[in-house]
Amino acid sequence: MAKISSVLNSGFFFTSPVKLPTSEPEERLITMEEVSWHDNANDCWIIIYDRVYDITDFLDEHPGGGDILLEYAGRDASVAFRGSGHSKQALRALSRFEIGELPTHERIFRKPGGFKISDIPE
């Protein structure tokens, strides 16, 4: 306990390993581990079709309620998104929340040999 309090009293604060964006969203690669750090109502990121979205500000606006989105906070929500019958317009509307995409080796859909779904945007 003494070690912890001395660290806290030294002015050193714990921060997550997440780095702030330094490039355009289409250029920013975000790992699944990094997404997993953003898993609550105050900081909510999800993955849909290999793209990463910060939907924190959208939780209160979602027609189905924020709770359904929070079930997938910090995780991949592609199957749930598709399974709930979202339109192509809903997918396009997500673009305002896009902050990056997964590295190629972590992708499921948008990679050579990945799952093919005809109506997802490139």
N, C-alpha and C. Protein backbone atom coordinates (compact mmCIF):
# COMPACT_ATOMS: atom_id res chain seq x y z
N MET A 1 0.82 -1.19 0.00
CA MET A 1 0.00 0.00 0.00
C MET A 1 0.87 1.26 0.00
N ALA A 2 2.00 1.22 0.68
CA ALA A 2 2.88 2.39 0.74
C ALA A 2 3.41 2.73 -0.64
N LYS A 3 3.71 1.70 -1.43
CA LYS A 3 4.21 1.96 -2.78
C LYS A 3 3.16 2.67 -3.62
N ILE A 4 1.91 2.23 -3.51
CA ILE A 4 0.83 2.85 -4.28
C ILE A 4 0.64 4.29 -3.87
N SER A 5 0.58 4.56 -2.57
CA SER A 5 0.35 5.94 -2.13
C SER A 5 1.53 6.84 -2.50
N SER A 6 2.76 6.30 -2.48
CA SER A 6 3.89 7.15 -2.86
C SER A 6 3.84 7.47 -4.35
N VAL A 7 3.36 6.53 -5.16
CA VAL A 7 3.21 6.80 -6.59
C VAL A 7 2.11 7.83 -6.81
N LEU A 8 1.01 7.69 -6.09
CA LEU A 8 -0.10 8.64 -6.23
C LEU A 8 0.31 10.03 -5.76
N ASN A 9 1.05 10.10 -4.66
CA ASN A 9 1.48 11.39 -4.13
C ASN A 9 2.56 12.04 -4.98
N SER A 10 3.21 11.25 -5.83
CA SER A 10 4.28 11.83 -6.66
C SER A 10 3.74 12.61 -7.84
N GLY A 11 2.42 12.58 -8.05
CA GLY A 11 1.84 13.29 -9.18
C GLY A 11 1.77 12.44 -10.44
N PHE A 12 2.17 11.18 -10.36
CA PHE A 12 2.11 10.26 -11.50
C PHE A 12 0.72 9.68 -11.57
N PHE A 13 0.10 9.74 -12.73
CA PHE A 13 -1.25 9.23 -12.90
C PHE A 13 -1.26 8.12 -13.92
N PHE A 14 -2.09 7.12 -13.69
CA PHE A 14 -2.25 6.03 -14.65
C PHE A 14 -3.07 6.51 -15.84
N THR A 15 -2.63 6.19 -17.01
CA THR A 15 -3.41 6.46 -18.21
C THR A 15 -3.48 5.20 -19.03
N SER A 16 -4.50 5.09 -19.86
CA SER A 16 -4.61 3.92 -20.72
C SER A 16 -3.55 4.01 -21.80
N PRO A 17 -3.24 2.87 -22.44
CA PRO A 17 -2.20 2.87 -23.47
C PRO A 17 -2.68 3.45 -24.80
N VAL A 18 -3.83 4.08 -24.81
CA VAL A 18 -4.41 4.60 -26.04
C VAL A 18 -3.70 5.89 -26.44
N LYS A 19 -3.37 5.97 -27.70
CA LYS A 19 -2.73 7.17 -28.22
C LYS A 19 -3.78 8.02 -28.92
N LEU A 20 -3.64 9.32 -28.84
CA LEU A 20 -4.56 10.23 -29.50
C LEU A 20 -4.35 10.19 -31.01
N PRO A 21 -5.41 10.45 -31.79
CA PRO A 21 -5.26 10.41 -33.24
C PRO A 21 -4.23 11.43 -33.73
N THR A 22 -3.41 11.00 -34.66
CA THR A 22 -2.42 11.89 -35.24
C THR A 22 -2.56 11.93 -36.76
N SER A 23 -3.58 11.24 -37.29
CA SER A 23 -3.76 11.20 -38.73
C SER A 23 -5.24 11.19 -39.06
N GLU A 24 -5.54 11.21 -40.32
CA GLU A 24 -6.93 11.15 -40.77
C GLU A 24 -7.53 9.80 -40.40
N PRO A 25 -8.87 9.71 -40.17
CA PRO A 25 -9.48 8.45 -39.77
C PRO A 25 -9.18 7.30 -40.72
N GLU A 26 -9.20 7.54 -42.04
CA GLU A 26 -8.97 6.45 -42.96
C GLU A 26 -7.54 5.95 -42.91
N GLU A 27 -6.64 6.68 -42.29
CA GLU A 27 -5.25 6.28 -42.17
C GLU A 27 -4.94 5.72 -40.78
N ARG A 28 -5.77 5.95 -39.81
CA ARG A 28 -5.48 5.57 -38.43
C ARG A 28 -5.82 4.10 -38.20
N LEU A 29 -4.84 3.34 -37.80
CA LEU A 29 -5.05 1.94 -37.46
C LEU A 29 -5.20 1.82 -35.96
N ILE A 30 -6.26 1.13 -35.54
CA ILE A 30 -6.57 0.98 -34.13
C ILE A 30 -6.73 -0.51 -33.86
N THR A 31 -5.98 -1.04 -32.93
CA THR A 31 -6.04 -2.46 -32.63
C THR A 31 -7.29 -2.80 -31.82
N MET A 32 -7.64 -4.08 -31.83
CA MET A 32 -8.79 -4.53 -31.04
C MET A 32 -8.51 -4.33 -29.55
N GLU A 33 -7.26 -4.47 -29.15
CA GLU A 33 -6.92 -4.24 -27.75
C GLU A 33 -7.20 -2.80 -27.37
N GLU A 34 -6.84 -1.87 -28.23
CA GLU A 34 -7.08 -0.46 -27.95
C GLU A 34 -8.58 -0.19 -27.86
N VAL A 35 -9.35 -0.78 -28.75
CA VAL A 35 -10.81 -0.61 -28.72
C VAL A 35 -11.36 -1.12 -27.40
N SER A 36 -10.81 -2.21 -26.90
CA SER A 36 -11.33 -2.81 -25.67
C SER A 36 -11.22 -1.90 -24.45
N TRP A 37 -10.35 -0.91 -24.49
CA TRP A 37 -10.21 0.05 -23.39
C TRP A 37 -11.38 1.04 -23.33
N HIS A 38 -12.17 1.10 -24.37
CA HIS A 38 -13.25 2.10 -24.49
C HIS A 38 -14.59 1.37 -24.40
N ASP A 39 -14.95 0.97 -23.19
CA ASP A 39 -16.06 0.05 -23.02
C ASP A 39 -17.10 0.50 -22.00
N ASN A 40 -17.35 1.79 -21.94
CA ASN A 40 -18.35 2.27 -20.98
C ASN A 40 -19.10 3.47 -21.56
N ALA A 41 -20.09 3.93 -20.84
CA ALA A 41 -20.96 5.00 -21.33
C ALA A 41 -20.24 6.34 -21.50
N ASN A 42 -19.14 6.54 -20.82
CA ASN A 42 -18.39 7.79 -20.93
C ASN A 42 -17.32 7.74 -22.02
N ASP A 43 -17.08 6.57 -22.56
CA ASP A 43 -16.03 6.37 -23.56
C ASP A 43 -16.34 5.06 -24.29
N CYS A 44 -17.13 5.16 -25.35
CA CYS A 44 -17.68 3.97 -25.99
C CYS A 44 -17.24 3.87 -27.46
N TRP A 45 -16.41 2.88 -27.74
CA TRP A 45 -15.99 2.60 -29.10
C TRP A 45 -16.52 1.22 -29.49
N ILE A 46 -16.89 1.07 -30.75
CA ILE A 46 -17.29 -0.23 -31.27
C ILE A 46 -16.64 -0.45 -32.64
N ILE A 47 -16.65 -1.69 -33.07
CA ILE A 47 -16.15 -2.06 -34.39
C ILE A 47 -17.32 -2.57 -35.21
N ILE A 48 -17.47 -2.05 -36.41
CA ILE A 48 -18.46 -2.56 -37.36
C ILE A 48 -17.76 -2.69 -38.71
N TYR A 49 -17.76 -3.91 -39.23
CA TYR A 49 -17.12 -4.21 -40.52
C TYR A 49 -15.69 -3.70 -40.57
N ASP A 50 -14.93 -3.96 -39.54
CA ASP A 50 -13.50 -3.65 -39.44
C ASP A 50 -13.18 -2.17 -39.29
N ARG A 51 -14.18 -1.34 -39.15
CA ARG A 51 -13.96 0.08 -38.90
C ARG A 51 -14.28 0.37 -37.43
N VAL A 52 -13.57 1.34 -36.87
CA VAL A 52 -13.73 1.68 -35.45
C VAL A 52 -14.49 3.00 -35.35
N TYR A 53 -15.49 3.00 -34.47
CA TYR A 53 -16.34 4.17 -34.28
C TYR A 53 -16.37 4.56 -32.82
N ASP A 54 -16.27 5.86 -32.56
CA ASP A 54 -16.45 6.40 -31.21
C ASP A 54 -17.90 6.87 -31.15
N ILE A 55 -18.74 6.07 -30.52
CA ILE A 55 -20.18 6.36 -30.49
C ILE A 55 -20.63 6.92 -29.14
N THR A 56 -19.71 7.39 -28.36
CA THR A 56 -20.03 7.93 -27.03
C THR A 56 -21.14 8.96 -27.11
N ASP A 57 -21.04 9.90 -28.03
CA ASP A 57 -22.04 10.97 -28.13
C ASP A 57 -23.34 10.51 -28.79
N PHE A 58 -23.34 9.30 -29.36
CA PHE A 58 -24.52 8.79 -30.04
C PHE A 58 -25.40 7.93 -29.13
N LEU A 59 -24.90 7.55 -27.98
CA LEU A 59 -25.65 6.65 -27.10
C LEU A 59 -27.05 7.17 -26.79
N ASP A 60 -27.18 8.46 -26.50
CA ASP A 60 -28.48 9.03 -26.16
C ASP A 60 -29.37 9.22 -27.38
N GLU A 61 -28.77 9.23 -28.58
CA GLU A 61 -29.53 9.44 -29.81
C GLU A 61 -30.03 8.15 -30.45
N HIS A 62 -29.43 7.02 -30.11
CA HIS A 62 -29.76 5.77 -30.79
C HIS A 62 -31.24 5.43 -30.59
N PRO A 63 -31.96 5.18 -31.69
CA PRO A 63 -33.41 4.90 -31.59
C PRO A 63 -33.74 3.70 -30.70
N GLY A 64 -32.85 2.72 -30.64
CA GLY A 64 -33.09 1.54 -29.80
C GLY A 64 -32.60 1.71 -28.38
N GLY A 65 -32.06 2.87 -28.07
CA GLY A 65 -31.54 3.14 -26.73
C GLY A 65 -30.05 2.85 -26.64
N GLY A 66 -29.40 3.51 -25.74
CA GLY A 66 -27.96 3.36 -25.56
C GLY A 66 -27.55 2.04 -24.96
N ASP A 67 -28.45 1.41 -24.20
CA ASP A 67 -28.09 0.16 -23.52
C ASP A 67 -27.70 -0.93 -24.51
N ILE A 68 -28.39 -1.01 -25.63
CA ILE A 68 -28.07 -2.04 -26.61
C ILE A 68 -26.68 -1.82 -27.18
N LEU A 69 -26.29 -0.57 -27.36
CA LEU A 69 -24.95 -0.26 -27.87
C LEU A 69 -23.89 -0.58 -26.82
N LEU A 70 -24.20 -0.33 -25.57
CA LEU A 70 -23.24 -0.59 -24.50
C LEU A 70 -22.93 -2.08 -24.35
N GLU A 71 -23.83 -2.94 -24.81
CA GLU A 71 -23.56 -4.38 -24.78
C GLU A 71 -22.34 -4.72 -25.63
N TYR A 72 -22.07 -3.90 -26.63
CA TYR A 72 -20.96 -4.15 -27.56
C TYR A 72 -19.82 -3.15 -27.38
N ALA A 73 -19.87 -2.34 -26.36
CA ALA A 73 -18.81 -1.35 -26.11
C ALA A 73 -17.46 -2.04 -25.98
N GLY A 74 -16.49 -1.54 -26.74
CA GLY A 74 -15.16 -2.11 -26.71
C GLY A 74 -15.01 -3.41 -27.49
N ARG A 75 -16.03 -3.74 -28.31
CA ARG A 75 -16.01 -5.03 -29.03
C ARG A 75 -16.52 -4.85 -30.45
N ASP A 76 -16.51 -5.95 -31.18
CA ASP A 76 -17.03 -5.96 -32.54
C ASP A 76 -18.55 -6.13 -32.49
N ALA A 77 -19.25 -5.23 -33.15
CA ALA A 77 -20.72 -5.25 -33.17
C ALA A 77 -21.27 -5.54 -34.56
N SER A 78 -20.43 -6.04 -35.47
CA SER A 78 -20.85 -6.25 -36.86
C SER A 78 -22.05 -7.17 -36.99
N VAL A 79 -22.01 -8.31 -36.33
CA VAL A 79 -23.10 -9.29 -36.45
C VAL A 79 -24.40 -8.72 -35.87
N ALA A 80 -24.31 -8.05 -34.72
CA ALA A 80 -25.50 -7.45 -34.11
C ALA A 80 -26.05 -6.34 -34.99
N PHE A 81 -25.16 -5.54 -35.56
CA PHE A 81 -25.58 -4.44 -36.43
C PHE A 81 -26.34 -5.00 -37.63
N ARG A 82 -25.77 -5.99 -38.26
CA ARG A 82 -26.40 -6.59 -39.44
C ARG A 82 -27.68 -7.33 -39.06
N GLY A 83 -27.64 -8.07 -37.97
CA GLY A 83 -28.78 -8.88 -37.54
C GLY A 83 -29.99 -8.07 -37.13
N SER A 84 -29.79 -6.83 -36.74
CA SER A 84 -30.93 -6.02 -36.31
C SER A 84 -31.60 -5.30 -37.48
N GLY A 85 -31.09 -5.53 -38.68
CA GLY A 85 -31.76 -5.00 -39.86
C GLY A 85 -31.46 -3.55 -40.18
N HIS A 86 -30.30 -3.06 -39.80
CA HIS A 86 -29.95 -1.68 -40.14
C HIS A 86 -29.86 -1.51 -41.66
N SER A 87 -30.26 -0.35 -42.11
CA SER A 87 -30.24 -0.04 -43.54
C SER A 87 -28.84 0.40 -43.97
N LYS A 88 -28.64 0.49 -45.29
CA LYS A 88 -27.39 1.02 -45.82
C LYS A 88 -27.22 2.47 -45.37
N GLN A 89 -28.33 3.18 -45.24
CA GLN A 89 -28.27 4.57 -44.80
C GLN A 89 -27.74 4.65 -43.36
N ALA A 90 -28.13 3.71 -42.52
CA ALA A 90 -27.64 3.69 -41.13
C ALA A 90 -26.13 3.48 -41.11
N LEU A 91 -25.65 2.62 -42.00
CA LEU A 91 -24.21 2.38 -42.08
C LEU A 91 -23.49 3.63 -42.55
N ARG A 92 -24.06 4.31 -43.53
CA ARG A 92 -23.44 5.56 -44.01
C ARG A 92 -23.46 6.64 -42.91
N ALA A 93 -24.52 6.67 -42.13
CA ALA A 93 -24.62 7.66 -41.05
C ALA A 93 -23.53 7.46 -39.99
N LEU A 94 -23.03 6.25 -39.88
CA LEU A 94 -21.95 5.98 -38.93
C LEU A 94 -20.67 6.71 -39.27
N SER A 95 -20.51 7.12 -40.51
CA SER A 95 -19.25 7.72 -40.94
C SER A 95 -18.85 8.93 -40.09
N ARG A 96 -19.82 9.63 -39.54
CA ARG A 96 -19.47 10.80 -38.71
C ARG A 96 -18.81 10.40 -37.40
N PHE A 97 -18.91 9.13 -37.04
CA PHE A 97 -18.30 8.64 -35.79
C PHE A 97 -17.03 7.84 -36.03
N GLU A 98 -16.67 7.63 -37.29
CA GLU A 98 -15.51 6.80 -37.61
C GLU A 98 -14.21 7.49 -37.16
N ILE A 99 -13.38 6.71 -36.46
CA ILE A 99 -12.11 7.25 -35.98
C ILE A 99 -10.92 6.45 -36.51
N GLY A 100 -11.18 5.35 -37.17
CA GLY A 100 -10.08 4.55 -37.71
C GLY A 100 -10.58 3.20 -38.15
N GLU A 101 -9.61 2.30 -38.37
CA GLU A 101 -9.94 0.95 -38.79
C GLU A 101 -8.94 -0.02 -38.20
N LEU A 102 -9.34 -1.29 -38.19
CA LEU A 102 -8.46 -2.31 -37.65
C LEU A 102 -7.28 -2.55 -38.58
N PRO A 103 -6.14 -2.97 -38.03
CA PRO A 103 -5.03 -3.37 -38.88
C PRO A 103 -5.47 -4.59 -39.72
N THR A 104 -4.89 -4.76 -40.86
CA THR A 104 -5.30 -5.83 -41.78
C THR A 104 -5.32 -7.20 -41.11
N HIS A 105 -4.34 -7.51 -40.29
CA HIS A 105 -4.27 -8.84 -39.67
C HIS A 105 -5.37 -9.08 -38.63
N GLU A 106 -6.09 -8.04 -38.19
CA GLU A 106 -7.19 -8.21 -37.24
C GLU A 106 -8.56 -8.12 -37.91
N ARG A 107 -8.59 -7.84 -39.17
CA ARG A 107 -9.87 -7.68 -39.87
C ARG A 107 -10.54 -9.01 -40.14
N ILE A 108 -11.86 -8.95 -40.26
CA ILE A 108 -12.67 -10.12 -40.59
C ILE A 108 -13.27 -9.97 -41.99
N PHE A 109 -13.69 -8.78 -42.34
CA PHE A 109 -14.46 -8.56 -43.56
C PHE A 109 -13.65 -7.93 -44.69
N ARG A 110 -12.94 -6.89 -44.41
CA ARG A 110 -12.28 -6.10 -45.45
C ARG A 110 -10.82 -6.47 -45.58
N LYS A 111 -10.59 -7.72 -46.02
CA LYS A 111 -9.23 -8.19 -46.25
C LYS A 111 -9.29 -9.33 -47.26
N PRO A 112 -8.20 -9.59 -47.94
CA PRO A 112 -8.17 -10.71 -48.88
C PRO A 112 -8.47 -12.03 -48.15
N GLY A 113 -9.43 -12.78 -48.65
CA GLY A 113 -9.80 -14.03 -48.02
C GLY A 113 -10.75 -13.88 -46.84
N GLY A 114 -11.18 -12.66 -46.54
CA GLY A 114 -12.10 -12.44 -45.43
C GLY A 114 -13.53 -12.78 -45.82
N PHE A 115 -14.44 -12.67 -44.87
CA PHE A 115 -15.85 -12.91 -45.14
C PHE A 115 -16.35 -11.89 -46.15
N LYS A 116 -17.10 -12.33 -47.11
CA LYS A 116 -17.61 -11.44 -48.15
C LYS A 116 -19.08 -11.11 -47.89
N ILE A 117 -19.35 -9.83 -47.78
CA ILE A 117 -20.70 -9.33 -47.67
C ILE A 117 -20.83 -8.26 -48.73
N SER A 118 -21.78 -8.43 -49.61
CA SER A 118 -21.84 -7.59 -50.80
C SER A 118 -22.20 -6.13 -50.53
N ASP A 119 -22.89 -5.84 -49.46
CA ASP A 119 -23.37 -4.48 -49.27
C ASP A 119 -22.61 -3.66 -48.23
N ILE A 120 -21.40 -4.06 -47.87
CA ILE A 120 -20.63 -3.22 -46.95
C ILE A 120 -19.73 -2.32 -47.78
N PRO A 121 -19.53 -1.09 -47.32
CA PRO A 121 -18.68 -0.17 -48.08
C PRO A 121 -17.21 -0.58 -48.03
N GLU A 122 -16.51 -0.29 -49.09
CA GLU A 122 -15.07 -0.58 -49.13
C GLU A 122 -14.42 0.44 -48.28
